[in-house]
C-alpha atoms as a PDB file:
ATOM      1  CA  UNK A   1       0.000   0.000   0.000  1.00  0.00           C
ATOM      2  CA  UNK A   2       1.185   3.519  -0.670  1.00  0.00           C
ATOM      3  CA  UNK A   3       1.489   6.252   1.943  1.00  0.00           C
ATOM      4  CA  UNK A   4      -1.718   8.009   0.783  1.00  0.00           C
ATOM      5  CA  UNK A   5      -3.930   4.964   1.174  1.00  0.00           C
ATOM      6  CA  UNK A   6      -7.019   5.401   3.288  1.00  0.00           C
ATOM      7  CA  UNK A   7      -6.698   3.509   6.561  1.00  0.00           C
ATOM      8  CA  UNK A   8     -10.233   3.708   7.962  1.00  0.00           C
ATOM      9  CA  UNK A   9     -13.784   4.843   7.312  1.00  0.00           C
ATOM     10  CA  UNK A  10     -12.930   8.112   9.110  1.00  0.00           C
ATOM     11  CA  UNK A  11     -10.680   9.343   6.303  1.00  0.00           C
ATOM     12  CA  UNK A  12     -11.209  10.423   2.694  1.00  0.00           C
ATOM     13  CA  UNK A  13      -9.379  12.301  -0.056  1.00  0.00           C
ATOM     14  CA  UNK A  14     -10.136  16.023  -0.070  1.00  0.00           C
ATOM     15  CA  UNK A  15     -11.048  16.241  -3.760  1.00  0.00           C
ATOM     16  CA  UNK A  16     -13.385  13.260  -3.509  1.00  0.00           C
ATOM     17  CA  UNK A  17     -15.088  14.639  -0.386  1.00  0.00           C
ATOM     18  CA  UNK A  18     -15.669  18.057  -1.999  1.00  0.00           C
ATOM     19  CA  UNK A  19     -17.196  16.277  -4.988  1.00  0.00           C
ATOM     20  CA  UNK A  20     -19.376  14.020  -2.775  1.00  0.00           C
ATOM     21  CA  UNK A  21     -20.505  17.038  -0.717  1.00  0.00           C
ATOM     22  CA  UNK A  22     -21.572  18.659  -4.006  1.00  0.00           C
ATOM     23  CA  UNK A  23     -19.383  21.734  -3.836  1.00  0.00           C
ATOM     24  CA  UNK A  24     -18.022  20.859  -7.303  1.00  0.00           C
ATOM     25  CA  UNK A  25     -19.628  19.135 -10.253  1.00  0.00           C
ATOM     26  CA  UNK A  26     -16.575  16.987 -11.026  1.00  0.00           C
ATOM     27  CA  UNK A  27     -13.485  15.857  -9.143  1.00  0.00           C
ATOM     28  CA  UNK A  28     -11.338  17.468 -11.831  1.00  0.00           C
ATOM     29  CA  UNK A  29     -12.830  20.889 -11.054  1.00  0.00           C
ATOM     30  CA  UNK A  30     -12.293  20.257  -7.334  1.00  0.00           C
ATOM     31  CA  UNK A  31      -8.653  19.348  -8.018  1.00  0.00           C
ATOM     32  CA  UNK A  32      -8.174  22.534 -10.041  1.00  0.00           C
ATOM     33  CA  UNK A  33      -9.515  24.722  -7.224  1.00  0.00           C
ATOM     34  CA  UNK A  34      -7.315  22.922  -4.686  1.00  0.00           C
ATOM     35  CA  UNK A  35      -4.191  23.342  -6.808  1.00  0.00           C
ATOM     36  CA  UNK A  36      -4.973  27.059  -7.302  1.00  0.00           C
ATOM     37  CA  UNK A  37      -4.997  27.515  -3.520  1.00  0.00           C
ATOM     38  CA  UNK A  38      -8.704  28.295  -3.226  1.00  0.00           C
ATOM     39  CA  UNK A  39      -9.175  25.447  -0.746  1.00  0.00           C
ATOM     40  CA  UNK A  40      -7.489  25.412   2.675  1.00  0.00           C
ATOM     41  CA  UNK A  41      -7.664  22.616   5.223  1.00  0.00           C
ATOM     42  CA  UNK A  42      -7.204  23.699   8.833  1.00  0.00           C
ATOM     43  CA  UNK A  43      -5.778  26.995   7.569  1.00  0.00           C
ATOM     44  CA  UNK A  44      -3.057  25.588   5.314  1.00  0.00           C
ATOM     45  CA  UNK A  45      -2.755  25.046   1.583  1.00  0.00           C
ATOM     46  CA  UNK A  46      -2.875  21.361   0.657  1.00  0.00           C
ATOM     47  CA  UNK A  47      -2.618  19.007  -2.312  1.00  0.00           C
ATOM     48  CA  UNK A  48      -5.462  17.171  -4.058  1.00  0.00           C
ATOM     49  CA  UNK A  49      -4.618  13.888  -2.388  1.00  0.00           C
ATOM     50  CA  UNK A  50      -4.785  15.312   1.149  1.00  0.00           C
ATOM     51  CA  UNK A  51      -6.504  12.818   3.427  1.00  0.00           C
ATOM     52  CA  UNK A  52      -9.046  14.658   5.559  1.00  0.00           C
ATOM     53  CA  UNK A  53     -10.627  13.421   8.767  1.00  0.00           C
ATOM     54  CA  UNK A  54     -13.841  14.103  10.622  1.00  0.00           C
ATOM     55  CA  UNK A  55     -13.565  17.425  12.430  1.00  0.00           C
ATOM     56  CA  UNK A  56     -11.287  19.113   9.883  1.00  0.00           C
ATOM     57  CA  UNK A  57     -12.157  22.677   8.886  1.00  0.00           C
ATOM     58  CA  UNK A  58     -12.182  23.502   5.174  1.00  0.00           C
ATOM     59  CA  UNK A  59     -12.058  27.091   3.898  1.00  0.00           C
ATOM     60  CA  UNK A  60     -12.883  27.490   0.239  1.00  0.00           C
ATOM     61  CA  UNK A  61     -13.487  30.321  -2.160  1.00  0.00           C
ATOM     62  CA  UNK A  62     -16.176  29.402  -4.664  1.00  0.00           C
ATOM     63  CA  UNK A  63     -17.324  31.971  -7.244  1.00  0.00           C
ATOM     64  CA  UNK A  64     -15.587  34.678  -5.173  1.00  0.00           C
ATOM     65  CA  UNK A  65     -17.727  33.741  -2.168  1.00  0.00           C
ATOM     66  CA  UNK A  66     -16.190  32.426   1.083  1.00  0.00           C
ATOM     67  CA  UNK A  67     -17.201  29.140   2.702  1.00  0.00           C
ATOM     68  CA  UNK A  68     -15.989  27.684   6.016  1.00  0.00           C
ATOM     69  CA  UNK A  69     -17.193  24.166   6.642  1.00  0.00           C
ATOM     70  CA  UNK A  70     -16.482  21.501   9.214  1.00  0.00           C
ATOM     71  CA  UNK A  71     -16.383  17.877   8.082  1.00  0.00           C
ATOM     72  CA  UNK A  72     -18.966  15.836  10.000  1.00  0.00           C
ATOM     73  CA  UNK A  73     -19.018  12.551   8.084  1.00  0.00           C
ATOM     74  CA  UNK A  74     -18.018  10.776   4.884  1.00  0.00           C
ATOM     75  CA  UNK A  75     -19.972   9.098   2.130  1.00  0.00           C
ATOM     76  CA  UNK A  76     -18.097   6.950  -0.403  1.00  0.00           C
ATOM     77  CA  UNK A  77     -20.597   7.800  -3.154  1.00  0.00           C
ATOM     78  CA  UNK A  78     -22.048  11.024  -4.512  1.00  0.00           C
ATOM     79  CA  UNK A  79     -25.610  11.170  -3.247  1.00  0.00           C
ATOM     80  CA  UNK A  80     -28.487  13.686  -3.624  1.00  0.00           C
ATOM     81  CA  UNK A  81     -28.016  17.222  -2.333  1.00  0.00           C
ATOM     82  CA  UNK A  82     -30.274  16.606   0.654  1.00  0.00           C
ATOM     83  CA  UNK A  83     -27.929  13.839   1.843  1.00  0.00           C
ATOM     84  CA  UNK A  84     -24.802  15.806   0.898  1.00  0.00           C
ATOM     85  CA  UNK A  85     -25.779  18.617   3.304  1.00  0.00           C
ATOM     86  CA  UNK A  86     -25.458  16.142   6.173  1.00  0.00           C
ATOM     87  CA  UNK A  87     -21.728  15.689   5.459  1.00  0.00           C
ATOM     88  CA  UNK A  88     -20.745  19.115   6.804  1.00  0.00           C
ATOM     89  CA  UNK A  89     -21.666  21.979   9.108  1.00  0.00           C
ATOM     90  CA  UNK A  90     -21.236  25.538   7.916  1.00  0.00           C
ATOM     91  CA  UNK A  91     -19.861  28.407  10.001  1.00  0.00           C
ATOM     92  CA  UNK A  92     -22.700  30.894  10.533  1.00  0.00           C
ATOM     93  CA  UNK A  93     -20.499  34.018  10.513  1.00  0.00           C
ATOM     94  CA  UNK A  94     -19.101  33.160   7.100  1.00  0.00           C
ATOM     95  CA  UNK A  95     -22.592  32.296   5.831  1.00  0.00           C
ATOM     96  CA  UNK A  96     -23.913  35.738   6.844  1.00  0.00           C
ATOM     97  CA  UNK A  97     -20.844  37.391   5.304  1.00  0.00           C
ATOM     98  CA  UNK A  98     -21.506  35.488   2.067  1.00  0.00           C
ATOM     99  CA  UNK A  99     -25.156  36.585   2.079  1.00  0.00           C
ATOM    100  CA  UNK A 100     -24.082  40.227   2.451  1.00  0.00           C
ATOM    101  CA  UNK A 101     -21.627  39.890  -0.436  1.00  0.00           C
ATOM    102  CA  UNK A 102     -24.346  38.324  -2.606  1.00  0.00           C
ATOM    103  CA  UNK A 103     -26.724  41.183  -1.793  1.00  0.00           C
ATOM    104  CA  UNK A 104     -24.098  43.793  -2.679  1.00  0.00           C
ATOM    105  CA  UNK A 105     -23.292  42.018  -5.932  1.00  0.00           C
ATOM    106  CA  UNK A 106     -26.972  41.847  -6.835  1.00  0.00           C
ATOM    107  CA  UNK A 107     -27.459  45.565  -6.177  1.00  0.00           C
ATOM    108  CA  UNK A 108     -24.425  46.481  -8.271  1.00  0.00           C
ATOM    109  CA  UNK A 109     -25.636  44.278 -11.141  1.00  0.00           C
ATOM    110  CA  UNK A 110     -29.046  45.946 -11.115  1.00  0.00           C
ATOM    111  CA  UNK A 111     -27.447  49.385 -11.270  1.00  0.00           C
ATOM    112  CA  UNK A 112     -25.112  48.327 -14.074  1.00  0.00           C
ATOM    113  CA  UNK A 113     -27.898  46.648 -16.076  1.00  0.00           C
ATOM    114  CA  UNK A 114     -29.918  49.841 -16.431  1.00  0.00           C
ATOM    115  CA  UNK A 115     -27.711  52.758 -17.448  1.00  0.00           C
ATOM    116  CA  UNK A 116     -29.178  56.247 -17.363  1.00  0.00           C
ATOM    117  CA  UNK A 117     -28.858  56.725 -21.119  1.00  0.00           C
ATOM    118  CA  UNK A 118     -27.815  54.997 -24.306  1.00  0.00           C
ATOM    119  CA  UNK A 119     -24.112  54.207 -24.620  1.00  0.00           C
ATOM    120  CA  UNK A 120     -22.051  56.752 -26.504  1.00  0.00           C
ATOM    121  CA  UNK A 121     -20.073  55.788 -29.563  1.00  0.00           C
ATOM    122  CA  UNK A 122     -16.976  55.497 -27.402  1.00  0.00           C
ATOM    123  CA  UNK A 123     -18.795  53.283 -24.855  1.00  0.00           C
ATOM    124  CA  UNK A 124     -20.172  51.072 -27.629  1.00  0.00           C
ATOM    125  CA  UNK A 125     -16.696  50.582 -29.085  1.00  0.00           C
ATOM    126  CA  UNK A 126     -15.370  49.626 -25.653  1.00  0.00           C
ATOM    127  CA  UNK A 127     -18.212  47.109 -25.249  1.00  0.00           C
ATOM    128  CA  UNK A 128     -17.549  45.670 -28.700  1.00  0.00           C
ATOM    129  CA  UNK A 129     -13.863  45.329 -27.838  1.00  0.00           C
ATOM    130  CA  UNK A 130     -14.701  43.387 -24.668  1.00  0.00           C
ATOM    131  CA  UNK A 131     -17.205  41.184 -26.501  1.00  0.00           C
ATOM    132  CA  UNK A 132     -14.675  40.455 -29.240  1.00  0.00           C
ATOM    133  CA  UNK A 133     -12.031  39.596 -26.654  1.00  0.00           C
ATOM    134  CA  UNK A 134     -14.351  37.111 -24.910  1.00  0.00           C
ATOM    135  CA  UNK A 135     -15.961  35.901 -28.189  1.00  0.00           C
ATOM    136  CA  UNK A 136     -19.493  36.589 -26.994  1.00  0.00           C
END
């Protein structure tokens, strides 16, 4: 057996747990976020194959929104969202902070969606340049 092998039912790979808990649609996306440093376990940057245990705290940044979760249990298979919510407990302070950020983002999007007047020729050219860059 290699050194990263799982020794008991109280341990699981980080990328697999994030996928089972339905934070990411695929394990590959979970691995990408971990390698980019958007996922911290107990306050430190880790690798994809990090073996986590019950009681570990995971901080992750998902769509520019913070999450702080505590691992409560493991499930070897990806199950429905209602069962996946039982795998972790979320920190309430971070949840309220995330709700405030969402509200601010929503307000700023509403203001940006309805400008006071039509775009000028210069504004339209800038928009076209951005659209061309992103191939929209």
